[in-house]
Amino acid sequence: MDEKEPGNGQDWVEDAKAELSGMMKQGMDHPSTKPVLTGAAVGVVGAALLPVITWPVGLVAGAGYMLYRRIKR
């Protein structure tokens, strides 16, 4: 069974912590930083187009989605 396979009890919260820690230490040199910032920007633009969502919610949702995609693979 592969270690990254779903349902094996792997803790994705620990993966997120490690990824965020790496992003904080390495800044723009970390491979996840640019995609996560791009996701945040797309979330803000999406929030600007939808009247029910504020830009902070869009920012967090976009960044969170991209971070999730980076961790999940």
N, C-alpha and C. Protein backbone atom coordinates (compact mmCIF):
# COMPACT_ATOMS: atom_id res chain seq x y z
N MET A 1 0.85 -1.18 0.00
CA MET A 1 0.00 0.00 0.00
C MET A 1 0.89 1.24 0.00
N ASP A 2 0.59 2.17 -0.87
CA ASP A 2 1.37 3.40 -0.98
C ASP A 2 1.12 4.29 0.23
N GLU A 3 2.16 4.98 0.69
CA GLU A 3 2.05 5.83 1.88
C GLU A 3 1.08 7.00 1.67
N LYS A 4 0.97 7.52 0.46
CA LYS A 4 0.09 8.65 0.17
C LYS A 4 -1.33 8.22 -0.21
N GLU A 5 -1.60 6.94 -0.19
CA GLU A 5 -2.90 6.45 -0.58
C GLU A 5 -3.96 6.85 0.43
N PRO A 6 -5.14 7.32 -0.04
CA PRO A 6 -6.20 7.71 0.90
C PRO A 6 -6.66 6.54 1.75
N GLY A 7 -7.06 6.85 2.96
CA GLY A 7 -7.61 5.83 3.83
C GLY A 7 -6.57 5.05 4.61
N ASN A 8 -5.30 5.46 4.55
CA ASN A 8 -4.30 4.70 5.29
C ASN A 8 -3.98 5.35 6.63
N GLY A 9 -4.73 6.36 7.02
CA GLY A 9 -4.54 6.98 8.32
C GLY A 9 -3.51 8.09 8.34
N GLN A 10 -3.00 8.46 7.17
CA GLN A 10 -2.01 9.53 7.11
C GLN A 10 -2.65 10.84 7.55
N ASP A 11 -1.94 11.61 8.34
CA ASP A 11 -2.48 12.84 8.89
C ASP A 11 -2.22 14.01 7.96
N TRP A 12 -3.25 14.47 7.24
CA TRP A 12 -3.09 15.57 6.29
C TRP A 12 -2.83 16.89 6.99
N VAL A 13 -3.22 17.01 8.25
CA VAL A 13 -2.94 18.25 8.99
C VAL A 13 -1.43 18.40 9.19
N GLU A 14 -0.75 17.31 9.48
CA GLU A 14 0.70 17.36 9.61
C GLU A 14 1.36 17.71 8.28
N ASP A 15 0.80 17.18 7.19
CA ASP A 15 1.33 17.53 5.87
C ASP A 15 1.15 19.01 5.59
N ALA A 16 -0.01 19.55 5.96
CA ALA A 16 -0.27 20.98 5.74
C ALA A 16 0.69 21.83 6.58
N LYS A 17 0.91 21.43 7.82
CA LYS A 17 1.85 22.16 8.68
C LYS A 17 3.25 22.16 8.08
N ALA A 18 3.68 21.01 7.61
CA ALA A 18 5.02 20.90 7.02
C ALA A 18 5.13 21.76 5.76
N GLU A 19 4.09 21.74 4.94
CA GLU A 19 4.09 22.52 3.71
C GLU A 19 4.11 24.02 4.01
N LEU A 20 3.27 24.45 4.93
CA LEU A 20 3.24 25.87 5.30
C LEU A 20 4.54 26.31 5.95
N SER A 21 5.13 25.45 6.76
CA SER A 21 6.41 25.76 7.38
C SER A 21 7.49 25.94 6.32
N GLY A 22 7.50 25.06 5.34
CA GLY A 22 8.46 25.17 4.24
C GLY A 22 8.25 26.43 3.44
N MET A 23 6.99 26.80 3.22
CA MET A 23 6.69 28.02 2.48
C MET A 23 7.16 29.25 3.25
N MET A 24 6.99 29.23 4.57
CA MET A 24 7.40 30.36 5.39
C MET A 24 8.93 30.50 5.40
N LYS A 25 9.63 29.38 5.47
CA LYS A 25 11.09 29.41 5.55
C LYS A 25 11.73 29.77 4.20
N GLN A 26 11.21 29.19 3.13
CA GLN A 26 11.84 29.36 1.82
C GLN A 26 11.25 30.51 1.00
N GLY A 27 10.10 31.00 1.40
CA GLY A 27 9.49 32.11 0.67
C GLY A 27 9.12 31.73 -0.76
N MET A 28 9.46 32.59 -1.70
CA MET A 28 9.10 32.37 -3.10
C MET A 28 9.89 31.23 -3.74
N ASP A 29 10.93 30.76 -3.09
CA ASP A 29 11.71 29.64 -3.64
C ASP A 29 11.03 28.29 -3.42
N HIS A 30 10.07 28.24 -2.52
CA HIS A 30 9.36 26.98 -2.26
C HIS A 30 8.41 26.69 -3.44
N PRO A 31 8.34 25.43 -3.90
CA PRO A 31 7.51 25.12 -5.06
C PRO A 31 6.00 25.33 -4.86
N SER A 32 5.51 25.41 -3.64
CA SER A 32 4.08 25.60 -3.40
C SER A 32 3.67 27.06 -3.28
N THR A 33 4.62 27.96 -3.06
CA THR A 33 4.27 29.34 -2.78
C THR A 33 3.53 30.01 -3.93
N LYS A 34 4.06 29.91 -5.13
CA LYS A 34 3.43 30.58 -6.28
C LYS A 34 2.04 30.04 -6.60
N PRO A 35 1.83 28.72 -6.62
CA PRO A 35 0.47 28.23 -6.87
C PRO A 35 -0.53 28.65 -5.79
N VAL A 36 -0.09 28.66 -4.52
CA VAL A 36 -1.00 29.05 -3.44
C VAL A 36 -1.34 30.54 -3.54
N LEU A 37 -0.35 31.38 -3.86
CA LEU A 37 -0.63 32.81 -4.04
C LEU A 37 -1.52 33.06 -5.25
N THR A 38 -1.33 32.28 -6.30
CA THR A 38 -2.20 32.39 -7.47
C THR A 38 -3.63 32.00 -7.11
N GLY A 39 -3.78 30.93 -6.35
CA GLY A 39 -5.11 30.53 -5.90
C GLY A 39 -5.77 31.59 -5.04
N ALA A 40 -4.99 32.26 -4.20
CA ALA A 40 -5.53 33.34 -3.37
C ALA A 40 -6.01 34.48 -4.25
N ALA A 41 -5.23 34.83 -5.27
CA ALA A 41 -5.62 35.91 -6.18
C ALA A 41 -6.89 35.56 -6.95
N VAL A 42 -6.98 34.33 -7.41
CA VAL A 42 -8.18 33.89 -8.13
C VAL A 42 -9.39 33.93 -7.19
N GLY A 43 -9.20 33.55 -5.94
CA GLY A 43 -10.29 33.61 -4.96
C GLY A 43 -10.78 35.03 -4.73
N VAL A 44 -9.85 35.98 -4.69
CA VAL A 44 -10.24 37.39 -4.50
C VAL A 44 -11.02 37.89 -5.71
N VAL A 45 -10.57 37.54 -6.91
CA VAL A 45 -11.28 37.95 -8.13
C VAL A 45 -12.67 37.32 -8.16
N GLY A 46 -12.75 36.05 -7.80
CA GLY A 46 -14.05 35.38 -7.74
C GLY A 46 -14.98 36.03 -6.74
N ALA A 47 -14.43 36.44 -5.61
CA ALA A 47 -15.25 37.10 -4.59
C ALA A 47 -15.73 38.46 -5.07
N ALA A 48 -14.92 39.13 -5.87
CA ALA A 48 -15.33 40.43 -6.42
C ALA A 48 -16.50 40.27 -7.38
N LEU A 49 -16.57 39.13 -8.05
CA LEU A 49 -17.64 38.89 -9.01
C LEU A 49 -18.93 38.40 -8.35
N LEU A 50 -18.80 37.79 -7.18
CA LEU A 50 -19.97 37.26 -6.47
C LEU A 50 -20.31 38.18 -5.30
N PRO A 51 -21.50 38.74 -5.29
CA PRO A 51 -21.84 39.71 -4.25
C PRO A 51 -21.99 39.13 -2.85
N VAL A 52 -22.16 37.83 -2.70
CA VAL A 52 -22.37 37.24 -1.38
C VAL A 52 -21.07 36.87 -0.67
N ILE A 53 -19.96 36.88 -1.38
CA ILE A 53 -18.68 36.48 -0.80
C ILE A 53 -17.77 37.70 -0.69
N THR A 54 -17.19 37.90 0.48
CA THR A 54 -16.26 39.02 0.66
C THR A 54 -14.87 38.60 0.20
N TRP A 55 -14.00 39.57 -0.06
CA TRP A 55 -12.68 39.24 -0.59
C TRP A 55 -11.82 38.43 0.39
N PRO A 56 -11.92 38.65 1.72
CA PRO A 56 -11.11 37.80 2.60
C PRO A 56 -11.52 36.33 2.53
N VAL A 57 -12.80 36.09 2.39
CA VAL A 57 -13.29 34.71 2.27
C VAL A 57 -12.77 34.09 0.97
N GLY A 58 -12.82 34.86 -0.11
CA GLY A 58 -12.31 34.38 -1.39
C GLY A 58 -10.82 34.11 -1.34
N LEU A 59 -10.08 34.97 -0.67
CA LEU A 59 -8.64 34.81 -0.54
C LEU A 59 -8.31 33.51 0.20
N VAL A 60 -8.95 33.31 1.33
CA VAL A 60 -8.69 32.10 2.13
C VAL A 60 -9.14 30.85 1.38
N ALA A 61 -10.30 30.92 0.73
CA ALA A 61 -10.80 29.76 0.00
C ALA A 61 -9.88 29.39 -1.16
N GLY A 62 -9.45 30.37 -1.92
CA GLY A 62 -8.55 30.11 -3.05
C GLY A 62 -7.21 29.56 -2.61
N ALA A 63 -6.62 30.17 -1.59
CA ALA A 63 -5.33 29.71 -1.09
C ALA A 63 -5.47 28.32 -0.47
N GLY A 64 -6.54 28.11 0.28
CA GLY A 64 -6.76 26.81 0.91
C GLY A 64 -6.96 25.70 -0.11
N TYR A 65 -7.68 25.99 -1.17
CA TYR A 65 -7.91 25.00 -2.21
C TYR A 65 -6.60 24.60 -2.88
N MET A 66 -5.80 25.59 -3.22
CA MET A 66 -4.52 25.28 -3.89
C MET A 66 -3.57 24.54 -2.95
N LEU A 67 -3.56 24.91 -1.68
CA LEU A 67 -2.72 24.20 -0.72
C LEU A 67 -3.17 22.75 -0.60
N TYR A 68 -4.48 22.54 -0.55
CA TYR A 68 -5.04 21.19 -0.48
C TYR A 68 -4.61 20.37 -1.70
N ARG A 69 -4.69 20.98 -2.88
CA ARG A 69 -4.30 20.28 -4.10
C ARG A 69 -2.82 19.91 -4.08
N ARG A 70 -1.98 20.79 -3.54
CA ARG A 70 -0.54 20.53 -3.47
C ARG A 70 -0.25 19.39 -2.48
N ILE A 71 -0.98 19.34 -1.38
CA ILE A 71 -0.75 18.31 -0.37
C ILE A 71 -1.27 16.96 -0.82
N LYS A 72 -2.42 16.98 -1.46
CA LYS A 72 -3.13 15.75 -1.84
C LYS A 72 -2.35 14.93 -2.87
N ARG A 73 -1.56 15.52 -3.71
CA ARG A 73 -0.88 14.75 -4.77
C ARG A 73 0.28 13.97 -4.29
